[in-house]
Amino acid sequence: MTSPFDLTGRTALVTGGNQGLGRAFVFALAAAGARVAFSGRREDANRLVAAEAARTGYELVPITADVTDDAQVDTMVAQAEDAFDGRIDVLVNNAGRCHHAPSSELTDDQWAGVFDLNVRAVWKTSTIVADVMRAHGSGSIVNVGSISGLIVNRPQFQAGYNASKAAVHHLTRSLAVEWASFGIRVNAIAPGYVQADGVPADRPELRRHWRPEFRQHWVDDAPQRRFALPEEIAPSAVFLASDAASFITGTVLVADGGYTAA
């Protein structure tokens, strides 16, 4: 019997796929059998990931693109379509950013930059890829939200980021309802604190602000009392992309070591 988690014959596009969680999503989808394209703003980083994958036996399609630029989103999707004979079966909207600052110090430009990448780019990329999926009558979109869309993080302050991830969660539900009749499923993953590359969080902003005293709130407050590894979060995207989740849409899958349950 074929495993319902098997993505052989499927094609996938991952944004922000050249580091951290995005890189883990790329490799997990490829390991499940999908042909994978990924985008990132830094061409050199994209080449390194593609070369690493080639040594593992995966042939990836690296695309240099800034998903906050509408023209580059159009080009990115067109390149993925060309590489995959006109099909994109899976989209993982992973690219995102955060600013740590009290609300009284967060600038308008910083707020706008967070929403531009974390929300508008997700919406823009999803609508364009959905047109491709609709033509084939099926597809799975996986948005990367955060527990920050469910709780207020502490002791760091990041109101703009928290609000943007709450918006991603509700955008996910809205698109899931709207596009269900087209055979397109839309779900989100809400990761907790993630450790990557030997540092205590998957986002550069968190790495810059990390201090040992944060451990109490970031790690010790979670029942599992540890960070996740990117490779532990990535299978959630494979699940939501696969036929194993064929009756799941409009869901925010929380992967946080029990943080939001405690």
C-alpha atoms as a PDB file:
ATOM      1  CA  MET A   1       0.000   0.000   0.000  1.00  0.00           C
ATOM      2  CA  THR A   2       1.130   3.542  -0.689  1.00  0.00           C
ATOM      3  CA  SER A   3       1.639   5.605   2.451  1.00  0.00           C
ATOM      4  CA  PRO A   4      -0.774   8.548   2.731  1.00  0.00           C
ATOM      5  CA  PHE A   5       2.254  10.619   3.758  1.00  0.00           C
ATOM      6  CA  ASP A   6       4.044   9.872   0.469  1.00  0.00           C
ATOM      7  CA  LEU A   7       4.504  12.955  -1.749  1.00  0.00           C
ATOM      8  CA  THR A   8       6.015  11.144  -4.727  1.00  0.00           C
ATOM      9  CA  GLY A   9       4.880  12.873  -7.899  1.00  0.00           C
ATOM     10  CA  ARG A  10       3.919  16.086  -6.071  1.00  0.00           C
ATOM     11  CA  THR A  11       5.606  19.438  -6.507  1.00  0.00           C
ATOM     12  CA  ALA A  12       6.224  22.008  -3.759  1.00  0.00           C
ATOM     13  CA  LEU A  13       7.321  25.624  -3.390  1.00  0.00           C
ATOM     14  CA  VAL A  14       8.751  26.873  -0.078  1.00  0.00           C
ATOM     15  CA  THR A  15       9.406  30.560   0.592  1.00  0.00           C
ATOM     16  CA  GLY A  16      12.314  31.514   2.837  1.00  0.00           C
ATOM     17  CA  GLY A  17      13.796  28.078   2.248  1.00  0.00           C
ATOM     18  CA  ASN A  18      17.521  28.705   2.597  1.00  0.00           C
ATOM     19  CA  GLN A  19      17.881  28.596   6.406  1.00  0.00           C
ATOM     20  CA  GLY A  20      16.330  27.474   9.668  1.00  0.00           C
ATOM     21  CA  LEU A  21      12.799  26.164   9.525  1.00  0.00           C
ATOM     22  CA  GLY A  22      12.478  26.867   5.804  1.00  0.00           C
ATOM     23  CA  ARG A  23      15.473  24.701   5.007  1.00  0.00           C
ATOM     24  CA  ALA A  24      14.042  21.928   7.197  1.00  0.00           C
ATOM     25  CA  PHE A  25      10.718  22.127   5.332  1.00  0.00           C
ATOM     26  CA  VAL A  26      12.544  21.848   1.999  1.00  0.00           C
ATOM     27  CA  PHE A  27      14.464  18.736   3.013  1.00  0.00           C
ATOM     28  CA  ALA A  28      11.467  17.077   4.669  1.00  0.00           C
ATOM     29  CA  LEU A  29       9.278  17.544   1.592  1.00  0.00           C
ATOM     30  CA  ALA A  30      12.047  16.208  -0.647  1.00  0.00           C
ATOM     31  CA  ALA A  31      12.549  13.209   1.646  1.00  0.00           C
ATOM     32  CA  ALA A  32       8.816  12.475   1.345  1.00  0.00           C
ATOM     33  CA  GLY A  33       9.219  12.270  -2.431  1.00  0.00           C
ATOM     34  CA  ALA A  34       8.211  15.745  -3.626  1.00  0.00           C
ATOM     35  CA  ARG A  35      10.047  17.780  -6.210  1.00  0.00           C
ATOM     36  CA  VAL A  36      10.848  21.005  -4.398  1.00  0.00           C
ATOM     37  CA  ALA A  37      11.532  24.587  -5.407  1.00  0.00           C
ATOM     38  CA  PHE A  38      12.433  27.130  -2.757  1.00  0.00           C
ATOM     39  CA  SER A  39      12.988  30.854  -2.687  1.00  0.00           C
ATOM     40  CA  GLY A  40      15.166  33.197  -0.691  1.00  0.00           C
ATOM     41  CA  ARG A  41      16.500  36.695  -1.126  1.00  0.00           C
ATOM     42  CA  ARG A  42      20.177  35.643  -1.002  1.00  0.00           C
ATOM     43  CA  GLU A  43      21.318  33.828  -4.117  1.00  0.00           C
ATOM     44  CA  ASP A  44      24.522  32.586  -2.464  1.00  0.00           C
ATOM     45  CA  ALA A  45      22.587  30.987   0.408  1.00  0.00           C
ATOM     46  CA  ASN A  46      20.173  29.408  -2.074  1.00  0.00           C
ATOM     47  CA  ARG A  47      23.063  27.857  -3.994  1.00  0.00           C
ATOM     48  CA  LEU A  48      24.575  26.408  -0.824  1.00  0.00           C
ATOM     49  CA  VAL A  49      21.316  24.703   0.149  1.00  0.00           C
ATOM     50  CA  ALA A  50      20.823  23.336  -3.371  1.00  0.00           C
ATOM     51  CA  ALA A  51      24.382  21.991  -3.393  1.00  0.00           C
ATOM     52  CA  GLU A  52      23.922  20.376   0.009  1.00  0.00           C
ATOM     53  CA  ALA A  53      20.707  18.750  -1.193  1.00  0.00           C
ATOM     54  CA  ALA A  54      22.407  17.464  -4.335  1.00  0.00           C
ATOM     55  CA  ARG A  55      24.991  15.683  -2.187  1.00  0.00           C
ATOM     56  CA  THR A  56      22.103  14.022  -0.366  1.00  0.00           C
ATOM     57  CA  GLY A  57      20.473  12.993  -3.624  1.00  0.00           C
ATOM     58  CA  TYR A  58      17.759  15.663  -3.845  1.00  0.00           C
ATOM     59  CA  GLU A  59      17.510  17.930  -6.889  1.00  0.00           C
ATOM     60  CA  LEU A  60      16.061  21.242  -5.736  1.00  0.00           C
ATOM     61  CA  VAL A  61      15.085  24.319  -7.740  1.00  0.00           C
ATOM     62  CA  PRO A  62      16.532  27.439  -6.058  1.00  0.00           C
ATOM     63  CA  ILE A  63      14.816  30.739  -6.889  1.00  0.00           C
ATOM     64  CA  THR A  64      16.114  34.133  -5.830  1.00  0.00           C
ATOM     65  CA  ALA A  65      13.147  36.301  -4.870  1.00  0.00           C
ATOM     66  CA  ASP A  66      11.945  38.845  -2.342  1.00  0.00           C
ATOM     67  CA  VAL A  67       8.315  37.945  -1.673  1.00  0.00           C
ATOM     68  CA  THR A  68       7.482  41.476  -0.522  1.00  0.00           C
ATOM     69  CA  ASP A  69       7.933  42.556  -4.170  1.00  0.00           C
ATOM     70  CA  ASP A  70       4.846  41.643  -6.215  1.00  0.00           C
ATOM     71  CA  ALA A  71       6.768  41.412  -9.484  1.00  0.00           C
ATOM     72  CA  GLN A  72       9.274  39.026  -7.907  1.00  0.00           C
ATOM     73  CA  VAL A  73       6.435  36.889  -6.527  1.00  0.00           C
ATOM     74  CA  ASP A  74       5.001  36.609 -10.037  1.00  0.00           C
ATOM     75  CA  THR A  75       8.420  35.610 -11.387  1.00  0.00           C
ATOM     76  CA  MET A  76       9.013  33.129  -8.553  1.00  0.00           C
ATOM     77  CA  VAL A  77       5.724  31.334  -9.188  1.00  0.00           C
ATOM     78  CA  ALA A  78       6.325  31.322 -12.942  1.00  0.00           C
ATOM     79  CA  GLN A  79       9.778  29.789 -12.440  1.00  0.00           C
ATOM     80  CA  ALA A  80       8.345  27.082 -10.209  1.00  0.00           C
ATOM     81  CA  GLU A  81       5.613  26.375 -12.756  1.00  0.00           C
ATOM     82  CA  ASP A  82       8.184  26.110 -15.552  1.00  0.00           C
ATOM     83  CA  ALA A  83      10.313  23.729 -13.495  1.00  0.00           C
ATOM     84  CA  PHE A  84       7.329  21.523 -12.657  1.00  0.00           C
ATOM     85  CA  ASP A  85       5.457  21.398 -15.970  1.00  0.00           C
ATOM     86  CA  GLY A  86       2.815  23.851 -14.861  1.00  0.00           C
ATOM     87  CA  ARG A  87       1.948  22.294 -11.493  1.00  0.00           C
ATOM     88  CA  ILE A  88       2.452  23.473  -7.934  1.00  0.00           C
ATOM     89  CA  ASP A  89       0.776  21.010  -5.573  1.00  0.00           C
ATOM     90  CA  VAL A  90       2.112  22.355  -2.280  1.00  0.00           C
ATOM     91  CA  LEU A  91       2.973  25.862  -1.098  1.00  0.00           C
ATOM     92  CA  VAL A  92       4.704  26.507   2.217  1.00  0.00           C
ATOM     93  CA  ASN A  93       4.641  30.201   3.156  1.00  0.00           C
ATOM     94  CA  ASN A  94       7.584  30.311   5.544  1.00  0.00           C
ATOM     95  CA  ALA A  95       9.355  33.646   4.998  1.00  0.00           C
ATOM     96  CA  GLY A  96       8.925  36.005   7.940  1.00  0.00           C
ATOM     97  CA  ARG A  97      10.530  38.577  10.211  1.00  0.00           C
ATOM     98  CA  CYS A  98      10.260  39.933  13.756  1.00  0.00           C
ATOM     99  CA  HIS A  99      11.252  43.086  15.631  1.00  0.00           C
ATOM    100  CA  HIS A 100      11.798  43.013  19.391  1.00  0.00           C
ATOM    101  CA  ALA A 101      10.893  46.353  20.896  1.00  0.00           C
ATOM    102  CA  PRO A 102       8.380  47.851  23.299  1.00  0.00           C
ATOM    103  CA  SER A 103       5.422  49.275  21.406  1.00  0.00           C
ATOM    104  CA  SER A 104       6.489  52.815  22.321  1.00  0.00           C
ATOM    105  CA  GLU A 105       9.780  52.202  20.467  1.00  0.00           C
ATOM    106  CA  LEU A 106       8.555  50.201  17.466  1.00  0.00           C
ATOM    107  CA  THR A 107       8.695  52.453  14.424  1.00  0.00           C
ATOM    108  CA  ASP A 108       6.022  52.689  11.766  1.00  0.00           C
ATOM    109  CA  ASP A 109       8.494  51.335   9.223  1.00  0.00           C
ATOM    110  CA  GLN A 110       9.266  48.316  11.416  1.00  0.00           C
ATOM    111  CA  TRP A 111       5.575  47.605  11.949  1.00  0.00           C
ATOM    112  CA  ALA A 112       4.901  47.910   8.228  1.00  0.00           C
ATOM    113  CA  GLY A 113       7.888  45.712   7.364  1.00  0.00           C
ATOM    114  CA  VAL A 114       6.669  42.928   9.650  1.00  0.00           C
ATOM    115  CA  PHE A 115       3.165  42.971   8.192  1.00  0.00           C
ATOM    116  CA  ASP A 116       4.451  43.308   4.635  1.00  0.00           C
ATOM    117  CA  LEU A 117       6.406  40.049   4.849  1.00  0.00           C
ATOM    118  CA  ASN A 118       4.467  38.087   7.457  1.00  0.00           C
ATOM    119  CA  VAL A 119       0.954  38.807   6.184  1.00  0.00           C
ATOM    120  CA  ARG A 120       0.753  40.572   2.843  1.00  0.00           C
ATOM    121  CA  ALA A 121       3.386  38.359   1.183  1.00  0.00           C
ATOM    122  CA  VAL A 122       1.566  35.265   2.455  1.00  0.00           C
ATOM    123  CA  TRP A 123      -1.698  36.533   0.988  1.00  0.00           C
ATOM    124  CA  LYS A 124      -0.113  37.603  -2.306  1.00  0.00           C
ATOM    125  CA  THR A 125       1.832  34.380  -2.821  1.00  0.00           C
ATOM    126  CA  SER A 126      -1.151  32.253  -1.833  1.00  0.00           C
ATOM    127  CA  THR A 127      -3.543  33.939  -4.251  1.00  0.00           C
ATOM    128  CA  ILE A 128      -1.158  33.561  -7.182  1.00  0.00           C
ATOM    129  CA  VAL A 129      -0.324  29.926  -6.421  1.00  0.00           C
ATOM    130  CA  ALA A 130      -4.014  29.183  -5.792  1.00  0.00           C
ATOM    131  CA  ASP A 131      -4.717  30.109  -9.420  1.00  0.00           C
ATOM    132  CA  VAL A 132      -2.256  27.395 -10.463  1.00  0.00           C
ATOM    133  CA  MET A 133      -3.789  24.885  -8.051  1.00  0.00           C
ATOM    134  CA  ARG A 134      -7.338  25.730  -9.092  1.00  0.00           C
ATOM    135  CA  ALA A 135      -6.514  24.864 -12.683  1.00  0.00           C
ATOM    136  CA  HIS A 136      -5.701  21.321 -11.541  1.00  0.00           C
ATOM    137  CA  GLY A 137      -8.477  21.030  -8.964  1.00  0.00           C
ATOM    138  CA  SER A 138      -6.298  20.417  -5.926  1.00  0.00           C
ATOM    139  CA  GLY A 139      -3.543  21.775  -3.722  1.00  0.00           C
ATOM    140  CA  SER A 140      -2.316  22.261  -0.180  1.00  0.00           C
ATOM    141  CA  ILE A 141      -1.104  25.546   1.269  1.00  0.00           C
ATOM    142  CA  VAL A 142       0.749  25.512   4.589  1.00  0.00           C
ATOM    143  CA  ASN A 143       1.329  28.856   6.289  1.00  0.00           C
ATOM    144  CA  VAL A 144       3.894  29.225   9.036  1.00  0.00           C
ATOM    145  CA  GLY A 145       2.250  30.994  11.940  1.00  0.00           C
ATOM    146  CA  SER A 146       3.544  30.961  15.507  1.00  0.00           C
ATOM    147  CA  ILE A 147       2.512  30.462  19.098  1.00  0.00           C
ATOM    148  CA  SER A 148       3.023  34.248  19.137  1.00  0.00           C
ATOM    149  CA  GLY A 149      -0.333  34.429  17.358  1.00  0.00           C
ATOM    150  CA  LEU A 150      -1.902  32.613  20.306  1.00  0.00           C
ATOM    151  CA  ILE A 151      -0.096  33.997  23.357  1.00  0.00           C
ATOM    152  CA  VAL A 152       1.906  37.088  24.319  1.00  0.00           C
ATOM    153  CA  ASN A 153       5.605  36.239  24.507  1.00  0.00           C
ATOM    154  CA  ARG A 154       7.692  37.355  27.435  1.00  0.00           C
ATOM    155  CA  PRO A 155       9.959  38.851  28.604  1.00  0.00           C
ATOM    156  CA  GLN A 156      10.665  40.243  25.126  1.00  0.00           C
ATOM    157  CA  PHE A 157       8.087  42.573  23.601  1.00  0.00           C
ATOM    158  CA  GLN A 158       7.062  42.106  19.963  1.00  0.00           C
ATOM    159  CA  ALA A 159       3.510  43.369  19.530  1.00  0.00           C
ATOM    160  CA  GLY A 160       3.825  43.802  15.761  1.00  0.00           C
ATOM    161  CA  TYR A 161       5.054  40.249  15.232  1.00  0.00           C
ATOM    162  CA  ASN A 162       2.404  38.796  17.548  1.00  0.00           C
ATOM    163  CA  ALA A 163      -0.361  40.652  15.735  1.00  0.00           C
ATOM    164  CA  SER A 164       0.992  39.592  12.331  1.00  0.00           C
ATOM    165  CA  LYS A 165       0.999  35.902  13.264  1.00  0.00           C
ATOM    166  CA  ALA A 166      -2.547  36.135  14.635  1.00  0.00           C
ATOM    167  CA  ALA A 167      -3.454  37.607  11.243  1.00  0.00           C
ATOM    168  CA  VAL A 168      -1.754  34.672   9.481  1.00  0.00           C
ATOM    169  CA  HIS A 169      -3.840  32.226  11.507  1.00  0.00           C
ATOM    170  CA  HIS A 170      -7.118  33.920  10.626  1.00  0.00           C
ATOM    171  CA  LEU A 171      -6.110  34.453   7.001  1.00  0.00           C
ATOM    172  CA  THR A 172      -5.475  30.703   6.909  1.00  0.00           C
ATOM    173  CA  ARG A 173      -8.994  29.956   8.106  1.00  0.00           C
ATOM    174  CA  SER A 174     -10.528  32.507   5.749  1.00  0.00           C
ATOM    175  CA  LEU A 175      -8.781  31.135   2.657  1.00  0.00           C
ATOM    176  CA  ALA A 176      -9.528  27.556   3.708  1.00  0.00           C
ATOM    177  CA  VAL A 177     -13.256  28.269   3.712  1.00  0.00           C
ATOM    178  CA  GLU A 178     -13.144  30.296   0.508  1.00  0.00           C
ATOM    179  CA  TRP A 179     -11.078  27.807  -1.501  1.00  0.00           C
ATOM    180  CA  ALA A 180     -12.444  24.477  -0.248  1.00  0.00           C
ATOM    181  CA  SER A 181     -14.748  24.183  -3.261  1.00  0.00           C
ATOM    182  CA  PHE A 182     -11.676  24.351  -5.534  1.00  0.00           C
ATOM    183  CA  GLY A 183     -10.025  21.375  -3.834  1.00  0.00           C
ATOM    184  CA  ILE A 184      -7.450  23.598  -2.129  1.00  0.00           C
ATOM    185  CA  ARG A 185      -6.710  22.984   1.542  1.00  0.00           C
ATOM    186  CA  VAL A 186      -5.164  25.773   3.632  1.00  0.00           C
ATOM    187  CA  ASN A 187      -3.652  25.113   7.053  1.00  0.00           C
ATOM    188  CA  ALA A 188      -1.038  26.648   9.322  1.00  0.00           C
ATOM    189  CA  ILE A 189       1.663  25.487  11.697  1.00  0.00           C
ATOM    190  CA  ALA A 190       2.250  27.383  14.941  1.00  0.00           C
ATOM    191  CA  PRO A 191       5.749  26.469  16.161  1.00  0.00           C
ATOM    192  CA  GLY A 192       7.013  27.246  19.610  1.00  0.00           C
ATOM    193  CA  TYR A 193      10.601  28.183  20.346  1.00  0.00           C
ATOM    194  CA  VAL A 194      12.989  26.508  17.912  1.00  0.00           C
ATOM    195  CA  GLN A 195      16.735  25.952  18.160  1.00  0.00           C
ATOM    196  CA  ALA A 196      18.745  26.013  14.951  1.00  0.00           C
ATOM    197  CA  ASP A 197      22.404  26.039  13.991  1.00  0.00           C
ATOM    198  CA  GLY A 198      23.586  25.715  17.592  1.00  0.00           C
ATOM    199  CA  VAL A 199      21.838  28.877  18.783  1.00  0.00           C
ATOM    200  CA  PRO A 200      18.753  29.138  20.964  1.00  0.00           C
ATOM    201  CA  ALA A 201      16.187  30.237  18.413  1.00  0.00           C
ATOM    202  CA  ASP A 202      15.390  29.966  14.732  1.00  0.00           C
ATOM    203  CA  ARG A 203      14.960  33.682  14.041  1.00  0.00           C
ATOM    204  CA  PRO A 204      17.975  36.031  13.856  1.00  0.00           C
ATOM    205  CA  GLU A 205      16.034  38.596  15.867  1.00  0.00           C
ATOM    206  CA  LEU A 206      15.652  36.126  18.717  1.00  0.00           C
ATOM    207  CA  ARG A 207      19.303  35.123  18.511  1.00  0.00           C
ATOM    208  CA  ARG A 208      20.410  38.748  18.818  1.00  0.00           C
ATOM    209  CA  HIS A 209      18.230  39.298  21.872  1.00  0.00           C
ATOM    210  CA  TRP A 210      18.868  35.969  23.580  1.00  0.00           C
ATOM    211  CA  ARG A 211      20.054  36.143  27.177  1.00  0.00           C
ATOM    212  CA  PRO A 212      20.380  33.217  29.592  1.00  0.00           C
ATOM    213  CA  GLU A 213      17.670  34.637  31.845  1.00  0.00           C
ATOM    214  CA  PHE A 214      15.177  34.212  28.975  1.00  0.00           C
ATOM    215  CA  ARG A 215      15.420  30.459  29.420  1.00  0.00           C
ATOM    216  CA  GLN A 216      12.868  30.487  32.224  1.00  0.00           C
ATOM    217  CA  HIS A 217      10.185  31.955  29.938  1.00  0.00           C
ATOM    218  CA  TRP A 218      11.198  30.453  26.591  1.00  0.00           C
ATOM    219  CA  VAL A 219      12.126  26.926  27.675  1.00  0.00           C
ATOM    220  CA  ASP A 220      11.348  26.142  31.291  1.00  0.00           C
ATOM    221  CA  ASP A 221       7.709  27.261  30.952  1.00  0.00           C
ATOM    222  CA  ALA A 222       7.153  24.545  28.313  1.00  0.00           C
ATOM    223  CA  PRO A 223       6.285  21.124  29.746  1.00  0.00           C
ATOM    224  CA  GLN A 224       8.963  19.461  27.606  1.00  0.00           C
ATOM    225  CA  ARG A 225      11.473  22.040  28.920  1.00  0.00           C
ATOM    226  CA  ARG A 226      13.511  22.329  25.738  1.00  0.00           C
ATOM    227  CA  PHE A 227      13.648  24.024  22.362  1.00  0.00           C
ATOM    228  CA  ALA A 228      12.415  22.187  19.284  1.00  0.00           C
ATOM    229  CA  LEU A 229      14.765  21.346  16.450  1.00  0.00           C
ATOM    230  CA  PRO A 230      13.706  22.462  12.957  1.00  0.00           C
ATOM    231  CA  GLU A 231      13.625  18.806  11.923  1.00  0.00           C
ATOM    232  CA  GLU A 232      10.940  18.186  14.559  1.00  0.00           C
ATOM    233  CA  ILE A 233       8.675  20.898  13.155  1.00  0.00           C
ATOM    234  CA  ALA A 234       9.153  20.065   9.468  1.00  0.00           C
ATOM    235  CA  PRO A 235       7.178  16.770   9.436  1.00  0.00           C
ATOM    236  CA  SER A 236       4.071  18.776  10.356  1.00  0.00           C
ATOM    237  CA  ALA A 237       4.302  20.484   6.964  1.00  0.00           C
ATOM    238  CA  VAL A 238       4.685  17.109   5.240  1.00  0.00           C
ATOM    239  CA  PHE A 239       1.597  15.839   7.059  1.00  0.00           C
ATOM    240  CA  LEU A 240      -0.526  18.870   6.140  1.00  0.00           C
ATOM    241  CA  ALA A 241       0.691  18.712   2.536  1.00  0.00           C
ATOM    242  CA  SER A 242      -0.100  15.010   2.174  1.00  0.00           C
ATOM    243  CA  ASP A 243      -3.211  12.909   1.661  1.00  0.00           C
ATOM    244  CA  ALA A 244      -2.965  11.960   5.340  1.00  0.00           C
ATOM    245  CA  ALA A 245      -4.520  15.396   5.984  1.00  0.00           C
ATOM    246  CA  SER A 246      -7.080  15.200   3.162  1.00  0.00           C
ATOM    247  CA  PHE A 247      -9.972  16.093   5.524  1.00  0.00           C
ATOM    248  CA  ILE A 248      -8.049  18.808   7.370  1.00  0.00           C
ATOM    249  CA  THR A 249      -8.365  22.429   6.314  1.00  0.00           C
ATOM    250  CA  GLY A 250      -8.590  25.713   8.203  1.00  0.00           C
ATOM    251  CA  THR A 251      -6.570  24.266  11.077  1.00  0.00           C
ATOM    252  CA  VAL A 252      -3.672  25.783  13.025  1.00  0.00           C
ATOM    253  CA  LEU A 253      -1.459  22.885  14.097  1.00  0.00           C
ATOM    254  CA  VAL A 254       0.436  23.848  17.252  1.00  0.00           C
ATOM    255  CA  ALA A 255       3.898  22.319  17.707  1.00  0.00           C
ATOM    256  CA  ASP A 256       5.260  23.861  20.886  1.00  0.00           C
ATOM    257  CA  GLY A 257       6.232  21.161  23.387  1.00  0.00           C
ATOM    258  CA  GLY A 258       3.062  21.889  25.337  1.00  0.00           C
ATOM    259  CA  TYR A 259       3.885  25.578  25.868  1.00  0.00           C
ATOM    260  CA  THR A 260       0.362  26.875  25.160  1.00  0.00           C
ATOM    261  CA  ALA A 261      -1.265  24.035  27.092  1.00  0.00           C
ATOM    262  CA  ALA A 262       0.458  24.801  30.377  1.00  0.00           C
END
